[in-house]
C-alpha atoms as a PDB file:
ATOM      1  CA  MET A   1     133.461 -10.126  51.365  1.00  0.00           C
ATOM      2  CA  SER A   2     131.415  -7.770  48.760  1.00  0.00           C
ATOM      3  CA  ASP A   3     134.873  -6.092  47.522  1.00  0.00           C
ATOM      4  CA  LEU A   4     136.432  -9.312  46.983  1.00  0.00           C
ATOM      5  CA  PRO A   5     136.907 -10.825  43.376  1.00  0.00           C
ATOM      6  CA  PRO A   6     134.200 -13.489  42.696  1.00  0.00           C
ATOM      7  CA  ALA A   7     136.538 -16.226  42.629  1.00  0.00           C
ATOM      8  CA  TYR A   8     138.231 -15.082  45.768  1.00  0.00           C
ATOM      9  CA  ARG A   9     134.998 -14.823  47.437  1.00  0.00           C
ATOM     10  CA  ALA A  10     133.747 -18.384  46.409  1.00  0.00           C
ATOM     11  CA  VAL A  11     136.741 -19.862  47.662  1.00  0.00           C
ATOM     12  CA  MET A  12     136.605 -18.255  50.983  1.00  0.00           C
ATOM     13  CA  LEU A  13     132.995 -19.145  51.401  1.00  0.00           C
ATOM     14  CA  GLY A  14     133.760 -22.599  50.681  1.00  0.00           C
ATOM     15  CA  ALA A  15     136.814 -22.664  53.080  1.00  0.00           C
ATOM     16  CA  THR A  16     134.578 -21.253  55.863  1.00  0.00           C
ATOM     17  CA  PRO A  17     132.791 -24.538  57.130  1.00  0.00           C
ATOM     18  CA  VAL A  18     136.283 -26.291  57.489  1.00  0.00           C
ATOM     19  CA  LEU A  19     138.270 -23.213  59.125  1.00  0.00           C
ATOM     20  CA  ARG A  20     135.800 -21.267  61.028  1.00  0.00           C
ATOM     21  CA  LEU A  21     133.256 -23.919  61.960  1.00  0.00           C
ATOM     22  CA  TRP A  22     135.455 -26.997  62.254  1.00  0.00           C
ATOM     23  CA  GLY A  23     138.722 -25.295  62.996  1.00  0.00           C
ATOM     24  CA  ARG A  24     137.192 -22.787  65.307  1.00  0.00           C
ATOM     25  CA  LEU A  25     139.247 -20.038  63.425  1.00  0.00           C
ATOM     26  CA  GLU A  26     140.722 -17.142  66.011  1.00  0.00           C
ATOM     27  CA  VAL A  27     142.016 -14.125  64.333  1.00  0.00           C
ATOM     28  CA  SER A  28     143.933 -11.225  66.359  1.00  0.00           C
ATOM     29  CA  GLY A  29     146.029  -8.384  65.344  1.00  0.00           C
ATOM     30  CA  LEU A  30     143.836  -7.479  62.186  1.00  0.00           C
ATOM     31  CA  GLU A  31     144.162  -3.824  62.925  1.00  0.00           C
ATOM     32  CA  HIS A  32     147.622  -3.806  61.789  1.00  0.00           C
ATOM     33  CA  VAL A  33     146.495  -5.042  58.065  1.00  0.00           C
ATOM     34  CA  PRO A  34     145.757  -1.482  56.383  1.00  0.00           C
ATOM     35  CA  ALA A  35     142.841  -1.751  54.127  1.00  0.00           C
ATOM     36  CA  ALA A  36     144.254   0.033  51.124  1.00  0.00           C
ATOM     37  CA  GLY A  37     147.620   0.472  49.466  1.00  0.00           C
ATOM     38  CA  PRO A  38     150.487  -1.830  48.682  1.00  0.00           C
ATOM     39  CA  LEU A  39     151.461  -4.217  51.592  1.00  0.00           C
ATOM     40  CA  LEU A  40     153.917  -7.228  51.971  1.00  0.00           C
ATOM     41  CA  LEU A  41     152.431 -10.049  54.199  1.00  0.00           C
ATOM     42  CA  ALA A  42     154.964 -12.795  55.550  1.00  0.00           C
ATOM     43  CA  ALA A  43     153.699 -15.679  57.132  1.00  0.00           C
ATOM     44  CA  ASN A  44     154.835 -19.352  58.486  1.00  0.00           C
ATOM     45  CA  HIS A  45     154.119 -22.333  56.199  1.00  0.00           C
ATOM     46  CA  ASP A  46     153.248 -25.836  57.856  1.00  0.00           C
ATOM     47  CA  SER A  47     150.151 -26.950  56.186  1.00  0.00           C
ATOM     48  CA  TYR A  48     148.220 -26.676  52.910  1.00  0.00           C
ATOM     49  CA  TRP A  49     145.447 -25.016  54.878  1.00  0.00           C
ATOM     50  CA  ASP A  50     147.729 -21.821  55.844  1.00  0.00           C
ATOM     51  CA  PRO A  51     146.950 -19.773  52.544  1.00  0.00           C
ATOM     52  CA  LEU A  52     143.268 -20.180  53.315  1.00  0.00           C
ATOM     53  CA  ALA A  53     143.190 -19.744  56.917  1.00  0.00           C
ATOM     54  CA  ILE A  54     145.249 -16.389  56.479  1.00  0.00           C
ATOM     55  CA  GLY A  55     142.915 -15.167  53.402  1.00  0.00           C
ATOM     56  CA  LEU A  56     139.849 -15.910  55.242  1.00  0.00           C
ATOM     57  CA  ALA A  57     141.223 -14.248  58.419  1.00  0.00           C
ATOM     58  CA  ALA A  58     141.989 -11.085  56.358  1.00  0.00           C
ATOM     59  CA  THR A  59     138.788 -10.975  54.313  1.00  0.00           C
ATOM     60  CA  PRO A  60     136.890  -8.394  56.559  1.00  0.00           C
ATOM     61  CA  VAL A  61     139.814  -5.751  55.641  1.00  0.00           C
ATOM     62  CA  ARG A  62     141.429  -6.751  51.937  1.00  0.00           C
ATOM     63  CA  PRO A  63     142.340  -9.801  49.870  1.00  0.00           C
ATOM     64  CA  ILE A  64     145.716 -11.357  49.853  1.00  0.00           C
ATOM     65  CA  HIS A  65     147.370 -12.025  46.252  1.00  0.00           C
ATOM     66  CA  ALA A  66     149.869 -14.922  47.242  1.00  0.00           C
ATOM     67  CA  LEU A  67     153.081 -16.165  45.650  1.00  0.00           C
ATOM     68  CA  ALA A  68     151.885 -19.850  44.968  1.00  0.00           C
ATOM     69  CA  LYS A  69     153.974 -22.796  43.519  1.00  0.00           C
ATOM     70  CA  SER A  70     153.465 -22.898  39.706  1.00  0.00           C
ATOM     71  CA  THR A  71     152.809 -26.504  39.928  1.00  0.00           C
ATOM     72  CA  LEU A  72     149.292 -25.698  41.114  1.00  0.00           C
ATOM     73  CA  TRP A  73     148.543 -24.332  37.493  1.00  0.00           C
ATOM     74  CA  LYS A  74     149.170 -27.652  35.943  1.00  0.00           C
ATOM     75  CA  TYR A  75     145.593 -28.601  36.876  1.00  0.00           C
ATOM     76  CA  LYS A  76     143.255 -26.333  34.359  1.00  0.00           C
ATOM     77  CA  PRO A  77     140.459 -25.563  36.602  1.00  0.00           C
ATOM     78  CA  VAL A  78     142.625 -24.805  39.577  1.00  0.00           C
ATOM     79  CA  GLY A  79     144.737 -22.578  37.660  1.00  0.00           C
ATOM     80  CA  MET A  80     141.502 -20.668  36.356  1.00  0.00           C
ATOM     81  CA  VAL A  81     140.430 -20.312  40.015  1.00  0.00           C
ATOM     82  CA  LEU A  82     143.816 -19.113  41.117  1.00  0.00           C
ATOM     83  CA  ASN A  83     143.996 -16.646  38.334  1.00  0.00           C
ATOM     84  CA  GLY A  84     140.608 -15.258  39.328  1.00  0.00           C
ATOM     85  CA  MET A  85     141.665 -14.839  42.906  1.00  0.00           C
ATOM     86  CA  GLY A  86     144.614 -12.766  41.446  1.00  0.00           C
ATOM     87  CA  GLN A  87     147.200 -15.375  42.850  1.00  0.00           C
ATOM     88  CA  ILE A  88     151.016 -15.408  41.353  1.00  0.00           C
ATOM     89  CA  PRO A  89     152.637 -18.479  40.058  1.00  0.00           C
ATOM     90  CA  ILE A  90     156.350 -18.864  40.858  1.00  0.00           C
ATOM     91  CA  ASP A  91     158.806 -21.513  40.397  1.00  0.00           C
ATOM     92  CA  ARG A  92     160.153 -21.952  43.737  1.00  0.00           C
ATOM     93  CA  GLY A  93     164.104 -22.262  44.232  1.00  0.00           C
ATOM     94  CA  LYS A  94     164.816 -21.083  40.593  1.00  0.00           C
ATOM     95  CA  GLY A  95     165.090 -17.462  41.119  1.00  0.00           C
ATOM     96  CA  ASP A  96     162.011 -16.582  39.017  1.00  0.00           C
ATOM     97  CA  VAL A  97     162.418 -13.311  37.889  1.00  0.00           C
ATOM     98  CA  GLY A  98     159.013 -13.094  36.200  1.00  0.00           C
ATOM     99  CA  ALA A  99     157.034 -13.973  39.191  1.00  0.00           C
ATOM    100  CA  LEU A 100     158.855 -11.391  41.410  1.00  0.00           C
ATOM    101  CA  ALA A 101     158.144  -8.872  38.290  1.00  0.00           C
ATOM    102  CA  ARG A 102     154.368  -9.425  38.430  1.00  0.00           C
ATOM    103  CA  ALA A 103     154.569  -9.218  42.391  1.00  0.00           C
ATOM    104  CA  ILE A 104     156.409  -5.885  42.144  1.00  0.00           C
ATOM    105  CA  GLU A 105     153.851  -4.668  39.630  1.00  0.00           C
ATOM    106  CA  ALA A 106     150.935  -5.610  41.840  1.00  0.00           C
ATOM    107  CA  LEU A 107     152.357  -4.039  44.644  1.00  0.00           C
ATOM    108  CA  ARG A 108     152.936  -0.697  43.194  1.00  0.00           C
ATOM    109  CA  ALA A 109     149.397  -0.836  41.896  1.00  0.00           C
ATOM    110  CA  GLY A 110     148.272  -1.320  45.586  1.00  0.00           C
ATOM    111  CA  ALA A 111     147.936  -4.978  46.106  1.00  0.00           C
ATOM    112  CA  CYS A 112     148.506  -6.973  49.435  1.00  0.00           C
ATOM    113  CA  ILE A 113     151.173  -9.510  48.381  1.00  0.00           C
ATOM    114  CA  GLY A 114     151.493 -12.556  50.429  1.00  0.00           C
ATOM    115  CA  VAL A 115     154.799 -14.231  50.690  1.00  0.00           C
ATOM    116  CA  PHE A 116     155.815 -17.528  52.596  1.00  0.00           C
ATOM    117  CA  PRO A 117     159.635 -16.690  53.331  1.00  0.00           C
ATOM    118  CA  GLU A 118     160.388 -20.561  54.018  1.00  0.00           C
ATOM    119  CA  GLY A 119     159.222 -21.055  50.291  1.00  0.00           C
ATOM    120  CA  THR A 120     157.521 -24.331  51.141  1.00  0.00           C
ATOM    121  CA  ARG A 121     155.817 -26.297  54.136  1.00  0.00           C
ATOM    122  CA  SER A 122     158.197 -27.038  57.044  1.00  0.00           C
ATOM    123  CA  ARG A 123     157.329 -30.578  57.336  1.00  0.00           C
ATOM    124  CA  GLY A 124     158.565 -30.570  60.775  1.00  0.00           C
ATOM    125  CA  ARG A 125     162.217 -29.107  59.563  1.00  0.00           C
ATOM    126  CA  THR A 126     163.717 -25.778  60.085  1.00  0.00           C
ATOM    127  CA  LEU A 127     164.096 -24.155  56.622  1.00  0.00           C
ATOM    128  CA  ARG A 128     166.239 -21.188  55.846  1.00  0.00           C
ATOM    129  CA  ALA A 129     164.390 -18.101  54.768  1.00  0.00           C
ATOM    130  CA  ARG A 130     164.644 -16.965  51.305  1.00  0.00           C
ATOM    131  CA  SER A 131     165.504 -13.613  49.782  1.00  0.00           C
ATOM    132  CA  GLY A 132     162.234 -13.170  47.565  1.00  0.00           C
ATOM    133  CA  LEU A 133     160.445 -11.210  50.379  1.00  0.00           C
ATOM    134  CA  GLY A 134     163.330  -8.896  51.002  1.00  0.00           C
ATOM    135  CA  ARG A 135     163.652  -8.418  47.404  1.00  0.00           C
ATOM    136  CA  LEU A 136     160.104  -6.996  46.920  1.00  0.00           C
ATOM    137  CA  ALA A 137     160.581  -4.816  50.122  1.00  0.00           C
ATOM    138  CA  GLY A 138     163.600  -3.209  48.248  1.00  0.00           C
ATOM    139  CA  GLU A 139     161.972  -2.745  45.162  1.00  0.00           C
ATOM    140  CA  VAL A 140     158.761  -1.223  46.613  1.00  0.00           C
ATOM    141  CA  PRO A 141     159.959   0.638  49.683  1.00  0.00           C
ATOM    142  CA  GLU A 142     156.735   2.314  50.438  1.00  0.00           C
ATOM    143  CA  ALA A 143     154.742  -1.054  50.999  1.00  0.00           C
ATOM    144  CA  PRO A 144     154.772  -1.559  54.764  1.00  0.00           C
ATOM    145  CA  ILE A 145     155.426  -5.003  55.953  1.00  0.00           C
ATOM    146  CA  VAL A 146     153.034  -7.120  58.352  1.00  0.00           C
ATOM    147  CA  SER A 147     154.028 -10.164  59.513  1.00  0.00           C
ATOM    148  CA  CYS A 148     151.491 -13.351  60.306  1.00  0.00           C
ATOM    149  CA  PHE A 149     151.624 -16.350  62.367  1.00  0.00           C
ATOM    150  CA  VAL A 150     149.219 -19.565  61.825  1.00  0.00           C
ATOM    151  CA  THR A 151     148.818 -22.356  64.283  1.00  0.00           C
ATOM    152  CA  GLY A 152     146.578 -25.255  64.241  1.00  0.00           C
ATOM    153  CA  THR A 153     146.139 -25.802  60.481  1.00  0.00           C
ATOM    154  CA  VAL A 154     147.913 -29.198  60.760  1.00  0.00           C
ATOM    155  CA  ASP A 155     145.461 -30.473  62.925  1.00  0.00           C
ATOM    156  CA  VAL A 156     142.372 -29.908  60.655  1.00  0.00           C
ATOM    157  CA  ALA A 157     142.336 -33.356  59.469  1.00  0.00           C
ATOM    158  CA  ASN A 158     142.939 -35.329  62.698  1.00  0.00           C
ATOM    159  CA  PHE A 159     139.390 -36.570  62.996  1.00  0.00           C
ATOM    160  CA  PRO A 160     137.611 -36.676  65.490  1.00  0.00           C
ATOM    161  CA  THR A 161     139.723 -34.161  67.322  1.00  0.00           C
ATOM    162  CA  ARG A 162     138.724 -30.459  66.389  1.00  0.00           C
ATOM    163  CA  PRO A 163     141.414 -28.189  65.619  1.00  0.00           C
ATOM    164  CA  HIS A 164     142.147 -24.631  67.172  1.00  0.00           C
ATOM    165  CA  ILE A 165     143.416 -22.390  64.395  1.00  0.00           C
ATOM    166  CA  HIS A 166     144.893 -19.094  65.274  1.00  0.00           C
ATOM    167  CA  VAL A 167     145.947 -16.383  62.876  1.00  0.00           C
ATOM    168  CA  GLY A 168     147.686 -13.587  64.205  1.00  0.00           C
ATOM    169  CA  PHE A 169     148.742 -10.400  62.573  1.00  0.00           C
ATOM    170  CA  PHE A 170     151.609  -8.116  63.794  1.00  0.00           C
ATOM    171  CA  ARG A 171     154.085  -5.512  62.903  1.00  0.00           C
ATOM    172  CA  PRO A 172     157.703  -6.376  62.688  1.00  0.00           C
ATOM    173  CA  SER A 173     159.447  -5.293  65.924  1.00  0.00           C
ATOM    174  CA  GLY A 174     162.610  -4.018  63.694  1.00  0.00           C
ATOM    175  CA  GLY A 175     160.268  -2.462  61.032  1.00  0.00           C
ATOM    176  CA  GLY A 176     160.629  -2.961  57.436  1.00  0.00           C
ATOM    177  CA  LEU A 177     164.093  -3.280  55.425  1.00  0.00           C
ATOM    178  CA  GLN A 178     166.843  -0.975  57.076  1.00  0.00           C
ATOM    179  CA  PRO A 179     169.546   0.784  54.976  1.00  0.00           C
ATOM    180  CA  SER A 180     172.304  -1.593  56.044  1.00  0.00           C
ATOM    181  CA  GLU A 181     169.806  -4.894  55.764  1.00  0.00           C
ATOM    182  CA  SER A 182     170.315  -7.364  53.118  1.00  0.00           C
ATOM    183  CA  ALA A 183     167.137  -8.949  51.378  1.00  0.00           C
ATOM    184  CA  THR A 184     167.918 -12.426  52.949  1.00  0.00           C
ATOM    185  CA  ARG A 185     168.679 -10.631  56.248  1.00  0.00           C
ATOM    186  CA  LEU A 186     165.207  -9.169  56.231  1.00  0.00           C
ATOM    187  CA  SER A 187     163.622 -12.486  55.489  1.00  0.00           C
ATOM    188  CA  VAL A 188     165.628 -14.141  58.457  1.00  0.00           C
ATOM    189  CA  ARG A 189     164.682 -11.571  60.683  1.00  0.00           C
ATOM    190  CA  LEU A 190     160.892 -11.681  59.951  1.00  0.00           C
ATOM    191  CA  LEU A 191     160.921 -15.468  60.118  1.00  0.00           C
ATOM    192  CA  GLN A 192     162.476 -15.553  63.378  1.00  0.00           C
ATOM    193  CA  GLU A 193     159.948 -13.355  64.767  1.00  0.00           C
ATOM    194  CA  ILE A 194     157.106 -15.283  63.405  1.00  0.00           C
ATOM    195  CA  ARG A 195     158.478 -18.569  64.503  1.00  0.00           C
ATOM    196  CA  GLU A 196     158.777 -17.363  67.997  1.00  0.00           C
ATOM    197  CA  ARG A 197     154.861 -17.158  67.885  1.00  0.00           C
ATOM    198  CA  ALA A 198     154.357 -20.331  65.864  1.00  0.00           C
ATOM    199  CA  ALA A 199     156.637 -23.159  66.654  1.00  0.00           C
ATOM    200  CA  ILE A 200     157.402 -25.720  63.930  1.00  0.00           C
ATOM    201  CA  PRO A 201     155.140 -28.521  64.415  1.00  0.00           C
ATOM    202  CA  GLY A 202     156.725 -31.862  64.727  1.00  0.00           C
ATOM    203  CA  ALA A 203     157.196 -34.052  61.651  1.00  0.00           C
ATOM    204  CA  ALA A 204     154.570 -36.623  62.386  1.00  0.00           C
ATOM    205  CA  ALA A 205     151.828 -33.831  62.518  1.00  0.00           C
ATOM    206  CA  VAL A 206     152.710 -32.633  59.042  1.00  0.00           C
ATOM    207  CA  ALA A 207     153.227 -35.596  57.358  1.00  0.00           C
END
């Protein structure tokens, strides 16, 4: 973790006992994540633990700067930590042009930007894929796309049963944004592939 920002390193170290020890974190496909250069990462979102699990899984290679809901910044200490980690606040569902512009700038500077195509936690529901990921891909076509599935995070708090968390990285079978593909269609395609590997947990599991 020596190349990570101090705040990022501290959060990942703090999450390690829960996710690696209690959660028995398993990571696969890390070889698909390039160590440098612009990168778009798309993942499912079923638990508050997902961003931490993905971030921890990727720490041997690089940090992930996620588009996170802006309401988290209402709490000043949390906002300071998120800023230190390089996370980007976004007003979800409002077409936040400013957040996308910051993500595009970071991508062009060589960052890895993480996006949840569903926009929010599934809570047992099938959610439509949003277009933000596809828009980023269109603006920064040199950024490869890596998909990521996360399972087991909804069971973190199911004491005394230990969860088995799995984070898997893979390349989309159809590649990145195609010439005739819309931003929304790309997000739909990627989310479908991710959900084939990570079925939506039942509503009771994520309540």
